[in-house]
N, C-alpha and C. Protein backbone atom coordinates (compact mmCIF):
# COMPACT_ATOMS: atom_id res chain seq x y z
N MET A 1 108.44 53.67 152.13
CA MET A 1 108.77 52.34 152.58
C MET A 1 107.66 51.73 153.43
N ALA A 2 106.95 52.58 154.23
CA ALA A 2 105.89 52.06 155.06
C ALA A 2 104.58 51.74 154.31
N GLY A 3 104.40 52.41 153.23
CA GLY A 3 103.18 52.27 152.47
C GLY A 3 102.28 53.41 152.82
N PRO A 4 101.32 53.74 151.91
CA PRO A 4 100.52 54.95 152.12
C PRO A 4 99.55 54.83 153.35
N GLU A 5 99.05 53.64 153.65
CA GLU A 5 98.14 53.54 154.75
C GLU A 5 98.84 53.78 156.03
N ILE A 6 100.04 53.20 156.22
CA ILE A 6 100.75 53.37 157.51
C ILE A 6 101.40 54.77 157.52
N ALA A 7 101.90 55.27 156.44
CA ALA A 7 102.49 56.62 156.37
C ALA A 7 101.50 57.72 156.80
N ALA A 8 100.26 57.48 156.46
CA ALA A 8 99.16 58.47 156.79
C ALA A 8 98.93 58.54 158.28
N LEU A 9 99.35 57.48 159.03
CA LEU A 9 99.07 57.42 160.47
C LEU A 9 100.24 57.86 161.36
N CYS A 10 101.44 57.95 160.78
CA CYS A 10 102.61 58.12 161.67
C CYS A 10 103.76 58.83 160.99
N ARG A 11 104.73 59.23 161.78
CA ARG A 11 106.00 59.76 161.31
C ARG A 11 107.13 59.07 162.00
N PRO A 12 108.25 58.83 161.33
CA PRO A 12 109.37 58.17 161.98
C PRO A 12 109.97 59.05 163.00
N GLY A 13 110.51 58.47 164.07
CA GLY A 13 111.26 59.15 165.12
C GLY A 13 112.66 58.70 165.13
N ARG A 14 113.16 58.33 166.27
CA ARG A 14 114.53 57.95 166.48
C ARG A 14 114.71 56.44 166.19
N LEU A 15 115.98 56.10 165.77
CA LEU A 15 116.40 54.76 165.65
C LEU A 15 117.52 54.62 166.68
N THR A 16 117.24 53.76 167.74
CA THR A 16 118.23 53.70 168.86
C THR A 16 118.79 52.30 168.97
N GLY A 17 119.91 52.19 169.62
CA GLY A 17 120.55 50.91 169.78
C GLY A 17 121.51 50.53 168.64
N ARG A 18 122.03 49.36 168.71
CA ARG A 18 122.95 48.90 167.66
C ARG A 18 122.40 47.63 167.02
N ALA A 19 122.69 47.42 165.79
CA ALA A 19 122.25 46.25 165.04
C ALA A 19 122.99 45.03 165.58
N PRO A 20 122.41 43.92 165.65
CA PRO A 20 120.96 43.73 165.63
C PRO A 20 120.31 44.22 166.91
N GLY A 21 119.07 44.47 166.88
CA GLY A 21 118.34 44.80 168.06
C GLY A 21 118.04 46.25 168.18
N ARG A 22 118.07 47.01 167.08
CA ARG A 22 117.74 48.42 167.16
C ARG A 22 116.22 48.59 167.40
N THR A 23 115.87 49.74 167.91
CA THR A 23 114.47 50.06 168.20
C THR A 23 114.12 51.26 167.32
N LEU A 24 113.07 51.19 166.57
CA LEU A 24 112.57 52.36 165.80
C LEU A 24 111.38 52.94 166.54
N GLU A 25 111.56 54.21 166.81
CA GLU A 25 110.40 54.98 167.43
C GLU A 25 109.58 55.62 166.39
N ILE A 26 108.27 55.46 166.41
CA ILE A 26 107.41 56.17 165.46
C ILE A 26 106.37 56.99 166.29
N HIS A 27 105.95 58.09 165.70
CA HIS A 27 105.09 59.00 166.35
C HIS A 27 103.67 58.93 165.74
N ALA A 28 102.65 58.78 166.56
CA ALA A 28 101.29 58.76 166.06
C ALA A 28 100.53 59.99 166.64
N PRO A 29 99.61 60.60 165.90
CA PRO A 29 98.96 61.80 166.32
C PRO A 29 97.83 61.61 167.35
N SER A 30 97.35 60.31 167.51
CA SER A 30 96.27 60.10 168.43
C SER A 30 96.27 58.66 168.95
N GLY A 31 95.51 58.41 169.94
CA GLY A 31 95.42 57.06 170.48
C GLY A 31 94.83 56.09 169.46
N ALA A 32 93.88 56.59 168.66
CA ALA A 32 93.28 55.75 167.65
C ALA A 32 94.31 55.34 166.56
N ALA A 33 95.10 56.29 166.18
CA ALA A 33 96.17 56.03 165.18
C ALA A 33 97.20 55.07 165.80
N ALA A 34 97.54 55.26 167.05
CA ALA A 34 98.47 54.39 167.72
C ALA A 34 97.97 52.93 167.79
N ALA A 35 96.68 52.82 168.07
CA ALA A 35 96.06 51.47 168.11
C ALA A 35 96.14 50.77 166.74
N GLN A 36 95.80 51.52 165.69
CA GLN A 36 95.89 50.99 164.37
C GLN A 36 97.36 50.58 163.97
N LEU A 37 98.26 51.38 164.40
CA LEU A 37 99.70 51.08 164.11
C LEU A 37 100.14 49.88 164.87
N GLN A 38 99.65 49.71 166.10
CA GLN A 38 100.01 48.56 166.91
C GLN A 38 99.66 47.27 166.22
N MET A 39 98.48 47.30 165.55
CA MET A 39 98.02 46.11 164.87
C MET A 39 98.84 45.80 163.61
N GLN A 40 99.55 46.85 163.14
CA GLN A 40 100.30 46.70 161.87
C GLN A 40 101.80 46.66 162.09
N THR A 41 102.21 46.52 163.37
CA THR A 41 103.64 46.58 163.77
C THR A 41 104.47 45.49 163.01
N GLU A 42 103.97 44.30 162.95
CA GLU A 42 104.72 43.22 162.24
C GLU A 42 104.96 43.56 160.79
N THR A 43 103.92 44.08 160.13
CA THR A 43 104.03 44.44 158.73
C THR A 43 105.08 45.56 158.56
N LEU A 44 104.98 46.58 159.34
CA LEU A 44 105.90 47.69 159.33
C LEU A 44 107.29 47.20 159.60
N LEU A 45 107.48 46.38 160.59
CA LEU A 45 108.81 45.84 160.88
C LEU A 45 109.43 45.07 159.78
N ALA A 46 108.59 44.29 159.08
CA ALA A 46 109.10 43.51 157.89
C ALA A 46 109.50 44.48 156.80
N ARG A 47 108.73 45.54 156.56
CA ARG A 47 109.02 46.49 155.46
C ARG A 47 110.36 47.22 155.81
N VAL A 48 110.51 47.66 157.02
CA VAL A 48 111.67 48.41 157.43
C VAL A 48 112.90 47.51 157.25
N ASN A 49 112.83 46.26 157.69
CA ASN A 49 113.95 45.36 157.53
C ASN A 49 114.22 44.97 156.14
N ARG A 50 113.22 44.98 155.26
CA ARG A 50 113.45 44.71 153.86
C ARG A 50 114.22 45.88 153.26
N TYR A 51 113.96 47.09 153.72
CA TYR A 51 114.64 48.28 153.22
C TYR A 51 116.02 48.44 153.84
N LEU A 52 116.17 48.30 155.14
CA LEU A 52 117.44 48.51 155.80
C LEU A 52 118.36 47.24 155.89
N GLY A 53 117.79 46.11 155.64
CA GLY A 53 118.57 44.88 155.72
C GLY A 53 118.00 43.94 156.79
N PRO A 54 118.15 42.70 156.60
CA PRO A 54 117.61 41.68 157.60
C PRO A 54 118.04 41.96 159.00
N GLY A 55 117.11 42.04 159.93
CA GLY A 55 117.46 42.19 161.38
C GLY A 55 117.94 43.57 161.74
N ALA A 56 117.86 44.56 160.88
CA ALA A 56 118.35 45.93 161.24
C ALA A 56 117.53 46.49 162.37
N VAL A 57 116.27 46.26 162.43
CA VAL A 57 115.43 46.81 163.46
C VAL A 57 114.64 45.57 164.11
N ALA A 58 114.73 45.52 165.44
CA ALA A 58 114.15 44.39 166.15
C ALA A 58 112.81 44.77 166.78
N ARG A 59 112.65 46.03 167.18
CA ARG A 59 111.40 46.47 167.81
C ARG A 59 110.92 47.82 167.21
N ILE A 60 109.66 48.02 167.42
CA ILE A 60 109.06 49.32 167.12
C ILE A 60 108.25 49.78 168.34
N THR A 61 108.55 50.97 168.68
CA THR A 61 107.76 51.64 169.79
C THR A 61 107.00 52.73 169.22
N ILE A 62 105.76 52.87 169.68
CA ILE A 62 104.83 53.89 169.19
C ILE A 62 104.63 54.94 170.29
N VAL A 63 104.87 56.20 169.94
CA VAL A 63 104.71 57.32 170.83
C VAL A 63 103.61 58.20 170.35
N GLN A 64 102.67 58.47 171.23
CA GLN A 64 101.65 59.34 170.81
C GLN A 64 102.04 60.81 171.00
N SER A 65 102.12 61.54 169.95
CA SER A 65 102.55 62.94 169.96
C SER A 65 101.95 63.67 168.75
N ALA A 66 101.38 64.80 168.96
CA ALA A 66 100.85 65.59 167.84
C ALA A 66 101.65 66.85 167.74
N VAL A 67 102.58 66.87 166.81
CA VAL A 67 103.43 68.02 166.54
C VAL A 67 102.67 68.88 165.57
N ALA A 68 102.55 70.18 165.84
CA ALA A 68 101.76 71.04 165.00
C ALA A 68 102.25 71.00 163.57
N GLY A 69 101.31 70.86 162.65
CA GLY A 69 101.62 70.79 161.20
C GLY A 69 102.24 69.53 160.68
N GLN A 70 102.56 68.56 161.61
CA GLN A 70 103.25 67.38 161.18
C GLN A 70 102.25 66.37 160.57
N PHE A 71 101.05 66.32 161.13
CA PHE A 71 100.08 65.32 160.69
C PHE A 71 98.89 66.04 160.04
N GLN A 72 98.39 65.49 158.99
CA GLN A 72 97.24 66.03 158.29
C GLN A 72 96.19 65.00 158.34
N THR A 73 95.00 65.40 158.78
CA THR A 73 93.90 64.45 158.85
C THR A 73 92.94 64.75 157.73
N LYS A 74 92.33 63.70 157.16
CA LYS A 74 91.29 63.88 156.15
C LYS A 74 89.98 64.12 156.83
N GLN A 75 89.34 65.16 156.41
CA GLN A 75 87.98 65.41 156.92
C GLN A 75 86.96 65.00 155.88
N SER A 76 86.08 64.21 156.32
CA SER A 76 85.08 63.70 155.36
C SER A 76 84.07 64.84 155.06
N GLN A 77 83.64 64.89 153.81
CA GLN A 77 82.66 65.84 153.35
C GLN A 77 81.26 65.22 153.52
N PRO A 78 80.29 66.00 154.01
CA PRO A 78 78.95 65.37 154.13
C PRO A 78 78.37 65.17 152.71
N ALA A 79 77.63 64.11 152.61
CA ALA A 79 76.97 63.77 151.34
C ALA A 79 75.98 64.80 150.99
N PRO A 80 75.84 65.15 149.72
CA PRO A 80 74.88 66.14 149.30
C PRO A 80 73.42 65.65 149.62
N PRO A 81 72.58 66.52 150.00
CA PRO A 81 71.21 66.18 150.35
C PRO A 81 70.49 65.57 149.14
N THR A 82 69.75 64.55 149.35
CA THR A 82 68.89 64.01 148.28
C THR A 82 67.46 63.97 148.71
N SER A 83 66.58 63.77 147.82
CA SER A 83 65.18 63.72 148.13
C SER A 83 64.86 62.41 148.90
N GLY A 84 65.77 61.47 148.80
CA GLY A 84 65.56 60.19 149.49
C GLY A 84 64.86 59.16 148.62
N GLU A 85 64.09 59.67 147.67
CA GLU A 85 63.27 58.77 146.85
C GLU A 85 64.11 58.01 145.84
N ASP A 86 65.30 58.58 145.47
CA ASP A 86 66.11 58.02 144.41
C ASP A 86 67.15 57.01 144.95
N THR A 87 67.04 56.61 146.18
CA THR A 87 67.96 55.69 146.80
C THR A 87 67.20 54.39 147.12
N PRO A 88 67.82 53.24 147.22
CA PRO A 88 67.12 52.04 147.59
C PRO A 88 66.45 52.19 149.00
N LEU A 89 67.10 52.81 149.90
CA LEU A 89 66.50 53.02 151.22
C LEU A 89 65.29 53.97 151.14
N GLY A 90 65.37 55.03 150.33
CA GLY A 90 64.27 55.94 150.14
C GLY A 90 63.07 55.26 149.53
N THR A 91 63.32 54.39 148.58
CA THR A 91 62.23 53.65 147.90
C THR A 91 61.60 52.70 148.89
N ALA A 92 62.41 52.02 149.70
CA ALA A 92 61.83 51.06 150.68
C ALA A 92 61.06 51.84 151.76
N LEU A 93 61.55 53.00 152.18
CA LEU A 93 60.78 53.74 153.19
C LEU A 93 59.52 54.29 152.63
N SER A 94 59.53 54.72 151.38
CA SER A 94 58.25 55.19 150.76
C SER A 94 57.23 54.04 150.67
N SER A 95 57.71 52.90 150.28
CA SER A 95 56.72 51.73 150.22
C SER A 95 56.24 51.38 151.65
N PHE A 96 57.06 51.44 152.60
CA PHE A 96 56.72 51.12 153.98
C PHE A 96 55.72 52.20 154.54
N ARG A 97 55.97 53.48 154.19
CA ARG A 97 55.05 54.53 154.61
C ARG A 97 53.68 54.33 153.98
N ALA A 98 53.68 54.04 152.66
CA ALA A 98 52.44 53.77 151.96
C ALA A 98 51.63 52.67 152.55
N ALA A 99 52.32 51.57 152.90
CA ALA A 99 51.65 50.40 153.51
C ALA A 99 51.07 50.74 154.89
N ILE A 100 51.76 51.51 155.64
CA ILE A 100 51.25 51.93 156.96
C ILE A 100 50.00 52.83 156.77
N ASN A 101 50.07 53.71 155.82
CA ASN A 101 48.93 54.59 155.54
C ASN A 101 47.69 53.79 155.12
N ARG A 102 47.94 52.83 154.24
CA ARG A 102 46.77 51.96 153.81
C ARG A 102 46.17 51.21 154.99
N LYS A 103 47.03 50.71 155.84
CA LYS A 103 46.58 49.92 157.00
C LYS A 103 45.82 50.82 157.99
N ASN A 104 46.27 52.01 158.12
CA ASN A 104 45.59 52.95 159.05
C ASN A 104 44.44 53.71 158.43
N GLY A 105 43.99 53.31 157.31
CA GLY A 105 42.89 53.97 156.67
C GLY A 105 43.22 55.22 155.93
N GLY A 106 44.44 55.36 155.44
CA GLY A 106 44.79 56.50 154.63
C GLY A 106 45.17 57.70 155.41
N LYS A 107 45.42 57.65 156.69
CA LYS A 107 45.77 58.82 157.52
C LYS A 107 47.15 59.27 157.19
């Protein structure tokens, strides 16, 4: 219901209060995730109310909590080393290096 981007950042918590005016508590594993969720609160609220019915949830509160095994983070893999010559940046640096060497008398 939340969508893959939001679901990767949080887990649902409690739904408190009575309709209308319920509060949905969601748990974020870090401050950074909580900040991202805060920016998407309106989107998430609309999706939740589309699923549960109009006005079912009035507010969303975000709680920072890292429960062991509950959240999985993606770790980026380092790019494989390249010679540097086969990339646009490598080509530009090689040209720049050659120009400097010519200007300095081939040193």
